[in-house]
């Protein structure tokens, strides 16, 4: 079996789906690797590093033509514009694995089905203990949470830690994290390491213990949150009345913060507005907001996805692909996720799809010319 690694074509995407050190492990399960020339350069991996580990290098058309499995960071659904050039390259029976945005990319999912490609979405890997090593969403969120704090520290006209100096005491910066998933927890830990006073909030009360364990304060709000988490551990979408009351309670906390980092996202849905324009107006000049939900529209009402803007004296950063700004490490972790996934579906160089396996069943999107994932079919109205 041959696994092909095409170069990523999404604008400013610097990651690569497989790093050279993963190749020997794939060879052990009967998988050879063919990579498009230059695919790893932006992440810091040369063609020579791949060939040294036993991979072959070719042109994009060759990679698609010769490969049984295509490994990507951004599959067709997550790269709808530039990805169109690849539609003619897919072949019947080919397996495609990567981020696919399957809950929203109706046209692209339709193309994969029409081409009779068996596609898997890394976003749909279930959050169960056995699948933790394949959880690419968490891998990317972890790095994004770290980078978000560094961005905030760079833009804030204050230092994070308290300092005792001959000229007097410099007070520590106050950082407020909204959303305590993987990204939020890493943001808390990073901000604490830099010396900030950190507080955090999440609609799921179960995360309070995790926040406290990292040395941050958990902000309590009198809200009914019994249905805030689904069985997969992700936040549920709540109704507008809930979000309205939440915004009212957050107004004072946001105004007292030097940095606000928002991470709240619901898979397949527009991000909820948690920081209103009114809240931004109430912040001190020079304050910073980093909106990690910008790719989903943003948690801040005045976020401009993909841009850094200043409004009412506050800097609002809306990164739309933050994990790609740490491409060496994000490629390493994603490569590990996707290698572990391949180990699940490949036995002795042959594809072995066990649809009784929860991980396989929940992550497959298209197969045999049809959209087969019930969750995707429901979301796309199929």
Protein backbone atom coordinates (compact mmCIF):
# COMPACT_ATOMS: atom_id res chain seq x y z
CA UNK A 1 0.00 0.00 0.00
CA UNK A 2 1.20 3.52 -0.80
CA UNK A 3 0.32 6.55 1.32
CA UNK A 4 0.62 9.84 -0.56
CA UNK A 5 1.38 13.21 1.01
CA UNK A 6 0.43 16.15 -1.24
CA UNK A 7 1.64 19.65 -0.48
CA UNK A 8 -0.99 21.72 1.35
CA UNK A 9 -2.56 24.36 -0.91
CA UNK A 10 -4.75 26.29 1.55
CA UNK A 11 -3.50 29.91 1.81
CA UNK A 12 -0.74 30.26 4.44
CA UNK A 13 -1.06 26.62 5.47
CA UNK A 14 2.44 25.60 6.60
CA UNK A 15 1.76 22.16 8.07
CA UNK A 16 2.42 18.80 6.44
CA UNK A 17 0.38 15.67 7.12
CA UNK A 18 3.31 13.34 7.79
CA UNK A 19 6.79 14.03 9.15
CA UNK A 20 9.86 11.95 8.16
CA UNK A 21 10.19 10.18 11.52
CA UNK A 22 6.75 8.57 11.01
CA UNK A 23 7.83 6.67 7.88
CA UNK A 24 9.59 3.67 9.52
CA UNK A 25 6.50 2.94 11.65
CA UNK A 26 4.31 2.92 8.54
CA UNK A 27 6.71 0.60 6.72
CA UNK A 28 6.28 -1.91 9.57
CA UNK A 29 2.56 -2.19 8.75
CA UNK A 30 3.19 -2.50 5.02
CA UNK A 31 2.73 1.13 3.97
CA UNK A 32 5.20 2.92 1.70
CA UNK A 33 5.21 6.72 1.52
CA UNK A 34 5.28 9.00 -1.51
CA UNK A 35 5.44 12.74 -0.94
CA UNK A 36 5.04 15.70 -3.25
CA UNK A 37 8.31 17.58 -3.66
CA UNK A 38 8.50 20.49 -1.21
CA UNK A 39 5.47 19.40 0.84
CA UNK A 40 7.36 19.58 4.13
CA UNK A 41 9.52 22.67 3.56
CA UNK A 42 7.21 25.21 5.25
CA UNK A 43 7.12 22.99 8.33
CA UNK A 44 10.91 22.62 8.38
CA UNK A 45 11.27 19.21 6.71
CA UNK A 46 13.30 18.83 3.50
CA UNK A 47 12.75 16.30 0.72
CA UNK A 48 16.08 14.74 1.67
CA UNK A 49 14.83 14.00 5.19
CA UNK A 50 11.91 12.07 3.71
CA UNK A 51 14.03 10.09 1.26
CA UNK A 52 16.54 9.28 4.02
CA UNK A 53 13.69 7.57 5.88
CA UNK A 54 12.63 5.61 2.81
CA UNK A 55 10.01 7.79 1.12
CA UNK A 56 9.90 8.56 -2.59
CA UNK A 57 9.36 12.08 -3.93
CA UNK A 58 7.22 12.97 -6.94
CA UNK A 59 4.97 15.53 -8.55
CA UNK A 60 1.45 16.16 -7.26
CA UNK A 61 -0.22 14.25 -10.11
CA UNK A 62 2.04 11.26 -9.46
CA UNK A 63 1.24 11.26 -5.74
CA UNK A 64 -2.50 11.09 -6.39
CA UNK A 65 -2.17 8.58 -9.24
CA UNK A 66 0.04 6.08 -7.40
CA UNK A 67 -1.33 6.35 -3.85
CA UNK A 68 -3.94 4.09 -2.28
CA UNK A 69 -4.31 6.48 0.68
CA UNK A 70 -4.01 10.28 0.56
CA UNK A 71 -3.02 11.95 3.83
CA UNK A 72 -3.75 15.68 4.17
CA UNK A 73 -4.00 18.32 6.83
CA UNK A 74 -6.79 20.12 4.99
CA UNK A 75 -8.88 17.85 2.84
CA UNK A 76 -11.28 19.06 0.18
CA UNK A 77 -13.95 20.30 2.60
CA UNK A 78 -11.42 22.32 4.60
CA UNK A 79 -9.84 23.73 1.44
CA UNK A 80 -12.77 24.36 -0.93
CA UNK A 81 -11.19 27.00 -3.17
CA UNK A 82 -7.66 25.74 -3.84
CA UNK A 83 -8.79 22.15 -3.38
CA UNK A 84 -10.81 22.25 -6.58
CA UNK A 85 -7.64 21.54 -8.54
CA UNK A 86 -7.48 18.13 -6.88
CA UNK A 87 -11.02 17.01 -7.72
CA UNK A 88 -9.91 15.54 -11.04
CA UNK A 89 -7.02 13.70 -9.35
CA UNK A 90 -9.05 11.53 -6.98
CA UNK A 91 -9.63 7.97 -8.14
CA UNK A 92 -12.34 5.46 -7.29
CA UNK A 93 -11.62 3.40 -4.17
CA UNK A 94 -8.93 5.77 -2.92
CA UNK A 95 -8.89 6.53 0.80
CA UNK A 96 -8.56 10.17 1.87
CA UNK A 97 -7.82 11.17 5.47
CA UNK A 98 -7.64 14.71 6.85
CA UNK A 99 -9.65 17.60 8.24
CA UNK A 100 -12.73 17.77 6.01
CA UNK A 101 -15.20 20.24 7.66
CA UNK A 102 -17.84 17.55 6.96
CA UNK A 103 -20.67 19.15 8.92
CA UNK A 104 -20.72 22.25 6.70
CA UNK A 105 -18.97 21.42 3.40
CA UNK A 106 -21.96 19.96 1.56
CA UNK A 107 -20.64 20.48 -1.98
CA UNK A 108 -17.20 19.07 -1.21
CA UNK A 109 -18.59 16.03 0.61
CA UNK A 110 -20.77 15.47 -2.46
CA UNK A 111 -17.70 15.53 -4.71
CA UNK A 112 -15.92 12.91 -2.58
CA UNK A 113 -19.01 10.69 -2.72
CA UNK A 114 -19.35 11.11 -6.49
CA UNK A 115 -15.71 10.17 -6.98
CA UNK A 116 -16.36 7.01 -4.91
CA UNK A 117 -13.62 7.98 -2.50
CA UNK A 118 -13.62 6.55 1.02
CA UNK A 119 -13.04 9.68 3.10
CA UNK A 120 -12.32 10.01 6.79
CA UNK A 121 -12.61 13.22 8.78
CA UNK A 122 -10.16 13.79 11.63
CA UNK A 123 -12.70 16.19 13.20
CA UNK A 124 -15.10 13.29 13.74
CA UNK A 125 -12.74 11.00 15.66
CA UNK A 126 -14.77 10.34 18.84
CA UNK A 127 -13.56 11.59 22.19
CA UNK A 128 -13.12 8.22 23.83
CA UNK A 129 -10.10 6.98 25.76
CA UNK A 130 -8.97 4.59 23.01
CA UNK A 131 -8.98 7.40 20.42
CA UNK A 132 -7.01 9.99 22.40
CA UNK A 133 -3.85 9.32 20.39
CA UNK A 134 -5.81 10.12 17.19
CA UNK A 135 -7.53 13.28 18.48
CA UNK A 136 -6.15 15.84 16.03
CA UNK A 137 -8.56 18.56 17.14
CA UNK A 138 -7.08 18.42 20.62
CA UNK A 139 -3.51 18.34 19.29
CA UNK A 140 -4.07 21.50 17.27
CA UNK A 141 -6.06 23.23 20.01
CA UNK A 142 -3.27 22.60 22.51
CA UNK A 143 -0.75 24.46 20.36
CA UNK A 144 -3.23 27.22 19.50
CA UNK A 145 -3.85 27.87 23.19
CA UNK A 146 -0.12 28.28 23.78
CA UNK A 147 0.38 30.57 20.80
CA UNK A 148 -2.65 32.71 21.71
CA UNK A 149 -1.00 33.74 24.98
CA UNK A 150 2.24 34.66 23.22
CA UNK A 151 0.29 36.81 20.76
CA UNK A 152 -1.49 38.56 23.60
CA UNK A 153 1.76 39.16 25.47
CA UNK A 154 3.32 40.63 22.34
CA UNK A 155 0.50 43.12 21.75
CA UNK A 156 -0.19 44.06 25.40
CA UNK A 157 1.66 47.24 26.44
CA UNK A 158 2.32 45.63 29.84
CA UNK A 159 4.40 42.71 31.03
CA UNK A 160 2.63 39.63 32.36
CA UNK A 161 4.52 38.98 35.64
CA UNK A 162 4.64 41.04 38.80
CA UNK A 163 8.10 42.55 39.34
CA UNK A 164 9.67 44.17 42.38
CA UNK A 165 12.00 46.89 41.10
CA UNK A 166 13.92 49.83 42.56
CA UNK A 167 11.39 52.06 40.84
CA UNK A 168 8.48 50.33 42.54
CA UNK A 169 6.30 47.26 42.05
CA UNK A 170 4.97 46.35 38.60
CA UNK A 171 1.55 44.71 39.00
CA UNK A 172 0.89 41.45 37.15
CA UNK A 173 -1.40 41.49 34.12
CA UNK A 174 -4.90 40.02 34.44
CA UNK A 175 -5.81 37.36 31.87
CA UNK A 176 -9.33 35.99 31.44
CA UNK A 177 -9.83 32.72 29.50
CA UNK A 178 -13.32 32.03 28.15
CA UNK A 179 -13.82 28.36 27.33
CA UNK A 180 -11.82 25.73 29.18
CA UNK A 181 -11.35 23.00 26.60
CA UNK A 182 -7.91 21.86 25.46
CA UNK A 183 -6.99 25.30 24.06
CA UNK A 184 -8.26 27.08 27.16
CA UNK A 185 -6.36 24.84 29.56
CA UNK A 186 -3.11 25.33 27.65
CA UNK A 187 -3.73 29.10 27.56
CA UNK A 188 -4.21 29.09 31.34
CA UNK A 189 -1.01 27.12 31.90
CA UNK A 190 1.01 29.34 29.53
CA UNK A 191 -0.30 32.61 30.97
CA UNK A 192 0.46 31.35 34.48
CA UNK A 193 4.01 30.39 33.45
CA UNK A 194 4.50 33.95 32.20
CA UNK A 195 3.37 35.25 35.59
CA UNK A 196 -0.11 36.62 34.89
CA UNK A 197 -3.04 36.51 37.28
CA UNK A 198 -5.43 34.18 35.46
CA UNK A 199 -9.15 33.57 35.74
CA UNK A 200 -11.29 31.35 33.53
CA UNK A 201 -14.90 30.53 32.77
CA UNK A 202 -16.70 27.69 31.02
CA UNK A 203 -20.38 26.76 30.84
CA UNK A 204 -19.42 23.23 31.90
CA UNK A 205 -19.05 23.33 35.71
CA UNK A 206 -17.09 20.07 35.68
CA UNK A 207 -13.96 21.90 34.48
CA UNK A 208 -13.68 24.01 37.65
CA UNK A 209 -11.32 21.49 39.27
CA UNK A 210 -9.03 21.56 36.21
CA UNK A 211 -8.89 25.37 36.29
CA UNK A 212 -8.02 25.42 39.99
CA UNK A 213 -5.37 22.73 39.52
CA UNK A 214 -3.52 25.07 37.13
CA UNK A 215 -3.50 27.88 39.68
CA UNK A 216 -6.20 30.01 38.09
CA UNK A 217 -9.47 31.29 39.52
CA UNK A 218 -12.72 29.82 38.22
CA UNK A 219 -15.34 32.50 37.60
CA UNK A 220 -18.71 31.37 38.97
CA UNK A 221 -21.90 32.44 37.19
CA UNK A 222 -25.45 31.64 38.22
CA UNK A 223 -26.54 29.84 35.07
CA UNK A 224 -28.32 26.55 34.40
CA UNK A 225 -25.61 24.45 32.73
CA UNK A 226 -26.89 20.89 33.09
CA UNK A 227 -27.09 20.36 29.31
CA UNK A 228 -23.92 22.27 28.39
CA UNK A 229 -21.86 19.20 27.45
CA UNK A 230 -22.59 16.40 25.01
CA UNK A 231 -21.60 12.74 25.44
CA UNK A 232 -18.43 13.33 23.42
CA UNK A 233 -17.13 15.96 25.84
CA UNK A 234 -17.80 18.92 23.52
CA UNK A 235 -19.78 22.00 24.46
CA UNK A 236 -23.38 22.01 23.23
CA UNK A 237 -24.97 24.96 21.49
CA UNK A 238 -27.21 26.77 24.00
CA UNK A 239 -30.18 29.03 23.29
CA UNK A 240 -29.92 32.81 22.89
CA UNK A 241 -31.49 33.51 26.30
CA UNK A 242 -28.66 31.57 27.95
CA UNK A 243 -25.97 33.47 26.05
CA UNK A 244 -27.66 36.81 26.81
CA UNK A 245 -27.60 36.18 30.56
CA UNK A 246 -24.03 34.91 30.31
CA UNK A 247 -22.95 38.13 28.57
CA UNK A 248 -24.55 40.24 31.29
CA UNK A 249 -22.65 38.36 34.00
CA UNK A 250 -19.35 38.57 32.10
CA UNK A 251 -19.46 42.33 31.55
CA UNK A 252 -17.66 43.20 34.78
CA UNK A 253 -15.05 40.44 34.49
CA UNK A 254 -14.08 41.46 30.96
CA UNK A 255 -13.81 45.14 31.93
CA UNK A 256 -11.35 44.23 34.69
CA UNK A 257 -9.10 42.16 32.40
CA UNK A 258 -6.00 43.21 30.48
CA UNK A 259 -6.25 40.19 28.16
CA UNK A 260 -9.28 38.13 27.14
CA UNK A 261 -8.74 34.88 25.24
CA UNK A 262 -11.88 33.23 23.89
CA UNK A 263 -11.95 29.59 22.77
CA UNK A 264 -15.63 28.64 22.72
CA UNK A 265 -16.66 26.72 19.61
CA UNK A 266 -19.38 24.19 18.80
CA UNK A 267 -18.47 21.70 16.03
CA UNK A 268 -20.31 22.48 12.80
CA UNK A 269 -21.92 25.63 14.20
CA UNK A 270 -21.21 29.35 14.16
CA UNK A 271 -19.30 30.36 17.28
CA UNK A 272 -21.50 31.96 19.99
CA UNK A 273 -21.02 35.69 20.67
CA UNK A 274 -19.69 35.93 24.22
CA UNK A 275 -17.84 39.26 24.17
CA UNK A 276 -20.09 42.02 22.90
CA UNK A 277 -19.11 45.36 21.44
CA UNK A 278 -20.35 46.92 24.69
CA UNK A 279 -17.85 44.81 26.64
CA UNK A 280 -15.02 45.86 24.33
CA UNK A 281 -15.93 49.52 24.91
CA UNK A 282 -15.68 48.92 28.68
CA UNK A 283 -12.12 47.54 28.53
CA UNK A 284 -9.08 49.66 29.36
CA UNK A 285 -7.20 51.18 26.40
CA UNK A 286 -4.33 48.92 25.41
CA UNK A 287 -6.20 45.73 26.39
CA UNK A 288 -6.04 42.72 24.06
CA UNK A 289 -8.57 40.13 22.91
CA UNK A 290 -7.42 36.95 21.16
CA UNK A 291 -10.40 35.22 19.56
CA UNK A 292 -9.54 31.58 18.87
CA UNK A 293 -13.05 31.01 17.49
CA UNK A 294 -12.44 33.53 14.67
CA UNK A 295 -12.47 30.75 12.06
CA UNK A 296 -16.08 30.03 13.13
CA UNK A 297 -17.11 33.67 13.04
CA UNK A 298 -15.66 34.63 16.42
CA UNK A 299 -16.73 34.81 20.06
CA UNK A 300 -16.17 38.57 20.04
CA UNK A 301 -18.77 40.66 18.26
CA UNK A 302 -16.17 42.93 16.61
CA UNK A 303 -13.66 40.23 15.60
CA UNK A 304 -12.60 40.34 11.96
CA UNK A 305 -11.52 36.76 11.08
CA UNK A 306 -7.95 36.59 9.84
CA UNK A 307 -7.17 40.16 10.90
CA UNK A 308 -5.79 42.13 13.82
CA UNK A 309 -7.77 45.33 14.39
CA UNK A 310 -7.98 48.07 17.00
CA UNK A 311 -11.38 49.28 18.21
CA UNK A 312 -12.11 51.56 21.17
CA UNK A 313 -8.41 51.36 22.08
CA UNK A 314 -8.53 47.56 22.32
CA UNK A 315 -6.56 45.24 20.03
CA UNK A 316 -8.69 42.35 18.73
CA UNK A 317 -6.75 39.47 17.15
CA UNK A 318 -8.76 37.03 15.03
CA UNK A 319 -6.38 34.26 13.92
CA UNK A 320 -7.98 31.79 11.52
CA UNK A 321 -5.28 29.09 11.46
CA UNK A 322 -3.15 29.53 14.54
CA UNK A 323 -1.76 25.98 14.77
CA UNK A 324 -0.19 26.55 11.36
CA UNK A 325 1.96 29.29 12.91
CA UNK A 326 3.81 26.54 14.80
CA UNK A 327 4.17 24.22 11.80
CA UNK A 328 7.10 22.13 12.97
CA UNK A 329 5.39 20.95 16.13
CA UNK A 330 1.83 20.94 14.82
CA UNK A 331 2.98 18.73 11.94
CA UNK A 332 4.67 16.40 14.42
CA UNK A 333 1.56 15.96 16.53
CA UNK A 334 -0.82 15.72 13.57
CA UNK A 335 1.47 13.17 11.96
CA UNK A 336 1.31 11.06 15.13
CA UNK A 337 -2.49 11.31 15.17
CA UNK A 338 -2.83 10.26 11.55
CA UNK A 339 -0.24 7.47 11.89
CA UNK A 340 -2.17 6.00 14.81
CA UNK A 341 -5.34 6.20 12.72
CA UNK A 342 -3.65 4.34 9.87
CA UNK A 343 -2.56 1.65 12.31
CA UNK A 344 -6.22 1.13 13.10
CA UNK A 345 -7.42 0.71 9.50
CA UNK A 346 -4.43 -0.98 7.84
CA UNK A 347 -3.35 -4.57 8.51
CA UNK A 348 -0.29 -6.02 6.76
CA UNK A 349 -0.39 -3.51 3.94
CA UNK A 350 -4.12 -3.96 3.26
CA UNK A 351 -7.07 -1.72 4.07
CA UNK A 352 -9.14 -3.32 6.82
CA UNK A 353 -12.21 -1.24 7.66
CA UNK A 354 -14.07 -2.65 10.63
CA UNK A 355 -17.34 -0.74 10.72
CA UNK A 356 -18.08 -2.27 14.12
CA UNK A 357 -15.22 -0.18 15.52
CA UNK A 358 -16.59 3.05 16.96
CA UNK A 359 -13.63 5.12 15.77
CA UNK A 360 -13.93 3.92 12.17
CA UNK A 361 -17.71 4.13 12.11
CA UNK A 362 -17.92 7.67 13.46
CA UNK A 363 -15.08 9.18 11.42
CA UNK A 364 -15.91 7.79 7.95
CA UNK A 365 -17.79 10.31 5.80
CA UNK A 366 -18.14 8.83 2.31
CA UNK A 367 -17.84 5.29 0.99
CA UNK A 368 -18.96 3.46 -2.15
CA UNK A 369 -20.36 6.57 -3.79
CA UNK A 370 -22.51 7.62 -0.82
CA UNK A 371 -22.39 9.80 2.27
CA UNK A 372 -22.54 7.13 4.98
CA UNK A 373 -22.04 9.09 8.21
CA UNK A 374 -25.41 9.68 9.95
CA UNK A 375 -24.20 12.80 11.77
CA UNK A 376 -22.95 14.34 8.51
CA UNK A 377 -26.14 13.41 6.64
CA UNK A 378 -28.24 15.10 9.33
CA UNK A 379 -26.07 18.23 9.44
CA UNK A 380 -26.09 18.61 5.63
CA UNK A 381 -29.79 17.80 5.31
CA UNK A 382 -29.19 14.70 3.17
